[in-house]
Protein backbone atom coordinates (compact mmCIF):
# COMPACT_ATOMS: atom_id res chain seq x y z
CA UNK A 1 -5.92 39.55 34.88
CA UNK A 2 -4.48 36.74 36.98
CA UNK A 3 -7.41 34.49 36.05
CA UNK A 4 -6.80 34.92 32.34
CA UNK A 5 -3.11 34.14 32.80
CA UNK A 6 -4.00 30.96 34.70
CA UNK A 7 -6.52 29.99 31.99
CA UNK A 8 -3.94 30.55 29.24
CA UNK A 9 -1.37 28.49 31.14
CA UNK A 10 -3.88 25.63 31.44
CA UNK A 11 -4.75 25.77 27.73
CA UNK A 12 -1.07 25.73 26.76
CA UNK A 13 -0.36 22.78 29.06
CA UNK A 14 -3.27 20.90 27.53
CA UNK A 15 -2.06 21.72 24.02
CA UNK A 16 1.41 20.46 24.91
CA UNK A 17 -0.05 17.22 26.24
CA UNK A 18 -2.14 16.66 23.11
CA UNK A 19 0.90 17.35 20.90
CA UNK A 20 3.04 14.82 22.76
CA UNK A 21 0.26 12.21 22.67
CA UNK A 22 -0.12 12.73 18.92
CA UNK A 23 3.62 12.33 18.52
CA UNK A 24 3.48 9.00 20.40
CA UNK A 25 0.54 7.92 18.22
CA UNK A 26 2.54 8.81 15.11
CA UNK A 27 5.54 6.81 16.34
CA UNK A 28 3.32 3.77 16.98
CA UNK A 29 1.80 4.15 13.53
CA UNK A 30 5.15 4.50 11.79
CA UNK A 31 6.55 1.52 13.69
CA UNK A 32 3.90 -0.67 12.05
CA UNK A 33 5.18 0.09 8.56
CA UNK A 34 8.08 -1.77 6.93
CA UNK A 35 11.23 0.33 7.26
CA UNK A 36 14.25 -1.87 6.58
CA UNK A 37 15.32 -1.42 2.96
CA UNK A 38 16.33 -3.34 0.97
CA UNK A 39 14.12 -5.87 2.81
CA UNK A 40 15.43 -9.01 1.08
CA UNK A 41 19.14 -8.51 0.37
CA UNK A 42 19.71 -12.26 0.01
CA UNK A 43 17.11 -12.72 -2.75
CA UNK A 44 17.71 -12.08 -6.46
CA UNK A 45 14.06 -12.18 -7.56
CA UNK A 46 12.56 -9.18 -5.78
CA UNK A 47 13.42 -5.64 -4.70
CA UNK A 48 11.09 -3.36 -2.72
CA UNK A 49 11.12 0.24 -1.50
CA UNK A 50 8.36 2.21 0.22
CA UNK A 51 7.90 5.58 1.87
CA UNK A 52 5.11 7.32 3.80
CA UNK A 53 5.15 11.06 4.57
CA UNK A 54 2.15 12.06 6.71
CA UNK A 55 0.72 15.56 6.25
CA UNK A 56 -0.28 15.93 9.90
CA UNK A 57 0.93 14.28 13.14
CA UNK A 58 -1.03 11.14 12.31
CA UNK A 59 -2.42 9.99 8.97
CA UNK A 60 -4.63 7.49 7.22
CA UNK A 61 -2.28 6.04 4.58
CA UNK A 62 -0.74 2.59 4.83
CA UNK A 63 1.44 0.18 2.89
CA UNK A 64 2.70 -3.27 3.79
CA UNK A 65 4.38 -6.31 2.26
CA UNK A 66 5.85 -9.64 3.29
CA UNK A 67 6.84 -12.97 1.76
CA UNK A 68 4.96 -16.18 2.58
CA UNK A 69 5.24 -19.52 0.74
CA UNK A 70 7.31 -17.92 -2.06
CA UNK A 71 4.65 -15.30 -2.65
CA UNK A 72 5.07 -11.57 -2.07
CA UNK A 73 1.86 -10.23 -0.52
CA UNK A 74 1.57 -6.45 -0.59
CA UNK A 75 -0.95 -3.65 -0.16
CA UNK A 76 -1.37 0.09 -0.23
CA UNK A 77 -4.32 1.99 1.21
CA UNK A 78 -5.75 5.43 1.82
CA UNK A 79 -8.37 6.00 4.53
CA UNK A 80 -11.07 8.64 3.99
CA UNK A 81 -10.74 11.70 6.19
CA UNK A 82 -7.80 12.97 8.19
CA UNK A 83 -6.25 13.03 11.63
CA UNK A 84 -6.95 10.72 14.54
CA UNK A 85 -10.09 8.89 13.19
CA UNK A 86 -8.24 8.08 9.94
CA UNK A 87 -5.16 6.93 11.83
CA UNK A 88 -7.19 4.51 13.98
CA UNK A 89 -8.86 3.10 10.88
CA UNK A 90 -5.44 2.76 9.23
CA UNK A 91 -4.06 0.75 12.16
CA UNK A 92 -7.06 -1.62 12.10
CA UNK A 93 -6.81 -2.06 8.31
CA UNK A 94 -3.09 -2.90 8.48
CA UNK A 95 -3.67 -5.42 11.31
CA UNK A 96 -6.56 -7.08 9.45
CA UNK A 97 -4.52 -7.30 6.24
CA UNK A 98 -1.81 -9.22 8.12
CA UNK A 99 -4.29 -11.47 9.96
CA UNK A 100 -6.43 -12.38 6.93
CA UNK A 101 -3.56 -12.77 4.46
CA UNK A 102 -1.71 -15.11 6.82
CA UNK A 103 -3.95 -17.95 5.61
CA UNK A 104 -5.47 -16.58 2.39
CA UNK A 105 -3.57 -15.97 -0.87
CA UNK A 106 -6.31 -14.62 -3.11
CA UNK A 107 -6.27 -10.79 -3.12
CA UNK A 108 -10.01 -10.59 -3.82
CA UNK A 109 -10.81 -12.89 -0.88
CA UNK A 110 -8.49 -10.90 1.41
CA UNK A 111 -10.34 -7.70 0.43
CA UNK A 112 -13.72 -9.43 0.67
CA UNK A 113 -12.98 -10.53 4.26
CA UNK A 114 -11.58 -7.12 5.15
CA UNK A 115 -14.65 -5.47 3.71
CA UNK A 116 -17.08 -7.65 5.66
CA UNK A 117 -15.37 -6.78 8.95
CA UNK A 118 -14.94 -3.07 8.17
CA UNK A 119 -18.50 -2.55 6.84
CA UNK A 120 -20.25 -3.98 9.88
CA UNK A 121 -21.00 -1.44 12.57
CA UNK A 122 -19.30 1.29 10.56
CA UNK A 123 -21.28 4.13 12.15
CA UNK A 124 -18.66 6.74 11.30
CA UNK A 125 -19.09 5.91 7.56
CA UNK A 126 -15.35 5.71 7.03
CA UNK A 127 -13.85 3.72 4.19
CA UNK A 128 -10.45 2.90 2.76
CA UNK A 129 -9.35 2.64 -0.87
CA UNK A 130 -6.96 -0.27 -1.28
CA UNK A 131 -4.90 -2.23 -3.78
CA UNK A 132 -3.75 -5.70 -2.81
CA UNK A 133 -1.37 -7.81 -4.89
CA UNK A 134 0.03 -11.32 -4.53
CA UNK A 135 3.08 -11.96 -6.68
CA UNK A 136 4.09 -15.57 -7.22
CA UNK A 137 7.89 -15.31 -7.12
CA UNK A 138 8.81 -18.50 -9.03
CA UNK A 139 6.61 -17.59 -12.04
CA UNK A 140 6.07 -13.80 -12.00
CA UNK A 141 2.30 -14.23 -12.03
CA UNK A 142 0.62 -11.32 -10.25
CA UNK A 143 -2.90 -11.70 -8.87
CA UNK A 144 -4.43 -8.44 -7.73
CA UNK A 145 -7.60 -6.81 -6.51
CA UNK A 146 -8.40 -3.11 -6.48
CA UNK A 147 -10.87 -1.47 -4.09
CA UNK A 148 -11.48 2.06 -5.35
CA UNK A 149 -7.76 2.90 -5.44
CA UNK A 150 -5.76 4.60 -8.22
CA UNK A 151 -4.30 2.20 -10.78
CA UNK A 152 -0.61 1.34 -10.21
CA UNK A 153 2.02 2.06 -12.85
CA UNK A 154 4.05 -0.68 -14.52
CA UNK A 155 7.53 0.30 -15.68
CA UNK A 156 9.41 -2.32 -17.66
CA UNK A 157 11.91 -2.86 -20.45
CA UNK A 158 9.23 -2.42 -23.12
CA UNK A 159 7.49 0.69 -21.78
CA UNK A 160 5.58 2.36 -18.95
CA UNK A 161 1.84 2.64 -18.39
CA UNK A 162 -1.06 1.99 -16.05
CA UNK A 163 -1.98 -1.51 -14.92
CA UNK A 164 -5.59 -2.15 -16.03
CA UNK A 165 -7.73 -2.28 -12.88
CA UNK A 166 -11.43 -2.74 -12.12
CA UNK A 167 -12.36 0.11 -9.83
CA UNK A 168 -14.72 -1.80 -7.44
CA UNK A 169 -15.91 -0.04 -4.28
CA UNK A 170 -13.60 1.03 -1.44
CA UNK A 171 -13.40 -1.25 1.62
CA UNK A 172 -16.00 -0.52 4.30
CA UNK A 173 -18.89 0.68 2.13
CA UNK A 174 -21.09 -2.35 1.32
CA UNK A 175 -20.60 -5.60 3.28
CA UNK A 176 -21.86 -7.84 0.45
CA UNK A 177 -19.89 -6.25 -2.42
CA UNK A 178 -18.16 -8.83 -4.67
CA UNK A 179 -14.61 -7.73 -5.48
CA UNK A 180 -13.14 -8.84 -8.81
CA UNK A 181 -9.85 -10.72 -9.10
CA UNK A 182 -7.43 -9.80 -11.89
CA UNK A 183 -4.09 -11.17 -13.00
CA UNK A 184 -1.13 -10.44 -15.22
CA UNK A 185 2.29 -11.94 -15.92
CA UNK A 186 5.22 -9.71 -15.05
CA UNK A 187 8.22 -9.70 -17.37
CA UNK A 188 11.58 -9.82 -15.59
CA UNK A 189 12.80 -6.39 -14.37
CA UNK A 190 9.28 -4.89 -14.29
CA UNK A 191 8.62 -2.39 -11.50
CA UNK A 192 5.12 -1.94 -10.06
CA UNK A 193 4.70 1.57 -8.68
CA UNK A 194 1.87 2.08 -6.17
CA UNK A 195 0.94 5.44 -4.69
CA UNK A 196 -1.86 7.29 -2.91
CA UNK A 197 -3.59 10.40 -4.27
CA UNK A 198 -1.30 12.51 -2.07
CA UNK A 199 1.02 12.24 -5.10
CA UNK A 200 -1.34 13.02 -8.00
CA UNK A 201 -3.38 15.60 -6.04
CA UNK A 202 -0.41 17.40 -4.46
CA UNK A 203 -1.05 21.13 -4.90
CA UNK A 204 1.27 24.06 -5.42
CA UNK A 205 0.62 27.62 -4.21
CA UNK A 206 -1.67 28.31 -7.21
CA UNK A 207 -3.77 25.23 -6.30
CA UNK A 208 -2.65 23.40 -9.44
CA UNK A 209 -2.32 19.63 -8.98
CA UNK A 210 0.66 17.40 -9.79
CA UNK A 211 -1.76 15.14 -11.71
CA UNK A 212 -1.61 11.66 -13.16
CA UNK A 213 -0.23 12.91 -16.50
CA UNK A 214 2.92 14.33 -14.87
CA UNK A 215 3.45 11.09 -12.97
CA UNK A 216 3.11 9.00 -16.14
CA UNK A 217 5.50 11.30 -18.07
CA UNK A 218 8.04 10.95 -15.28
CA UNK A 219 7.68 7.16 -15.35
CA UNK A 220 8.18 7.17 -19.13
CA UNK A 221 11.36 9.23 -18.85
CA UNK A 222 12.75 6.82 -16.21
CA UNK A 223 11.84 3.92 -18.50
CA UNK A 224 13.63 5.51 -21.47
CA UNK A 225 16.71 6.15 -19.32
CA UNK A 226 16.60 2.49 -18.22
CA UNK A 227 16.66 3.39 -14.51
CA UNK A 228 13.58 2.24 -12.65
CA UNK A 229 14.72 0.40 -9.55
CA UNK A 230 12.26 0.81 -6.64
CA UNK A 231 14.49 3.19 -4.65
CA UNK A 232 15.16 5.35 -7.70
CA UNK A 233 11.50 5.52 -8.75
CA UNK A 234 10.23 6.49 -5.27
CA UNK A 235 13.00 9.03 -4.64
CA UNK A 236 12.64 10.59 -8.09
CA UNK A 237 8.84 10.91 -7.69
CA UNK A 238 9.34 12.42 -4.21
CA UNK A 239 11.87 14.95 -5.52
CA UNK A 240 9.70 15.99 -8.46
CA UNK A 241 6.50 16.36 -6.43
CA UNK A 242 8.33 18.40 -3.77
CA UNK A 243 9.78 20.68 -6.44
CA UNK A 244 6.28 21.07 -7.92
CA UNK A 245 4.61 21.83 -4.57
CA UNK A 246 7.36 24.30 -3.62
CA UNK A 247 6.35 26.56 -0.74
CA UNK A 248 2.80 25.20 -0.36
CA UNK A 249 1.94 23.12 2.72
CA UNK A 250 1.59 19.37 2.23
CA UNK A 251 -2.17 18.87 2.12
CA UNK A 252 -2.38 15.07 2.19
CA UNK A 253 -0.41 12.02 3.27
CA UNK A 254 2.01 10.96 0.55
CA UNK A 255 2.67 7.25 0.21
CA UNK A 256 4.61 5.32 -2.44
CA UNK A 257 5.57 1.68 -2.77
CA UNK A 258 7.64 0.24 -5.61
CA UNK A 259 8.28 -3.45 -6.24
CA UNK A 260 10.63 -4.79 -8.91
CA UNK A 261 10.46 -8.39 -10.08
CA UNK A 262 14.04 -9.26 -10.98
CA UNK A 263 13.90 -12.97 -11.72
CA UNK A 264 15.18 -14.29 -15.04
CA UNK A 265 15.03 -18.07 -15.06
CA UNK A 266 11.36 -18.54 -15.57
CA UNK A 267 10.54 -21.76 -17.37
CA UNK A 268 10.52 -24.05 -14.38
CA UNK A 269 7.71 -26.50 -13.85
CA UNK A 270 7.24 -27.45 -10.22
CA UNK A 271 5.81 -30.88 -9.58
CA UNK A 272 4.97 -32.30 -6.20
CA UNK A 273 3.02 -35.40 -5.43
CA UNK A 274 1.34 -36.71 -2.31
CA UNK A 275 0.08 -40.24 -1.74
CA UNK A 276 -2.56 -40.74 0.90
CA UNK A 277 -3.81 -43.99 2.38
CA UNK A 278 -7.57 -44.53 2.38
CA UNK A 279 -8.12 -42.96 5.78
CA UNK A 280 -10.18 -39.88 6.67
CA UNK A 281 -7.64 -38.83 9.30
CA UNK A 282 -5.20 -38.17 6.45
CA UNK A 283 -7.38 -35.50 4.81
CA UNK A 284 -5.79 -32.58 6.74
CA UNK A 285 -2.48 -33.53 5.12
CA UNK A 286 -4.02 -32.94 1.71
CA UNK A 287 -5.21 -29.53 2.82
CA UNK A 288 -1.74 -28.56 4.01
CA UNK A 289 -0.24 -29.85 0.74
């Protein structure tokens, strides 16, 4: 009937509008992620490559990195759930990471602050698993904090394996949770490979998963071949997981971030001194120093 035709027309128009709004939302989301690679062509101490492939129009994965005060601050995260709610949570998480880390260099304190904000008034019970690292570029010392996320891989000249991480809780679950701080010293040329479970849990048509073991094997073969630059690692993982998944639909966002520390002249001791006169007004100078 004419009425049904009209109804169908309306529904299709509405669908079209929703699709185009979701596309705009996706573009906004993607614009927030770093996309110029290599990001630091003038530096010889660091190389970074990252990639996010959402499963639907909008997704809940995020990664970010930037350099401040000769430290590389970076994060990867995976929001619980899918679609629009997850994408909103992702945008807030990314913004908070930038805001908090602008004046805080301890990964556990960054996560602690994030967690306090995200846990309060969290009626939708959403959470985000996260890994935050702060790499001191002059020394190669990596401080990191893990919030319920999968352990990153380390690929270096001596081998490949998982970085030991405390699991902790995801961000947004308990406001008073104390997140543990960990640290390690990176040897020159080491690549840190971060990923979301869209990699390890990618399924093929028979519902078999790509799994951690396959990822580790792949990392070991790259290590043996001596090729583990960030771009190579991410592209190789992408290729292998796509070949594994084959015809099956992508079921989850797939996010990977690889960071290679390429510095070689390490034994430098930095010494700075500051002399203050006996005057309380000078104290802020000490803080800045």
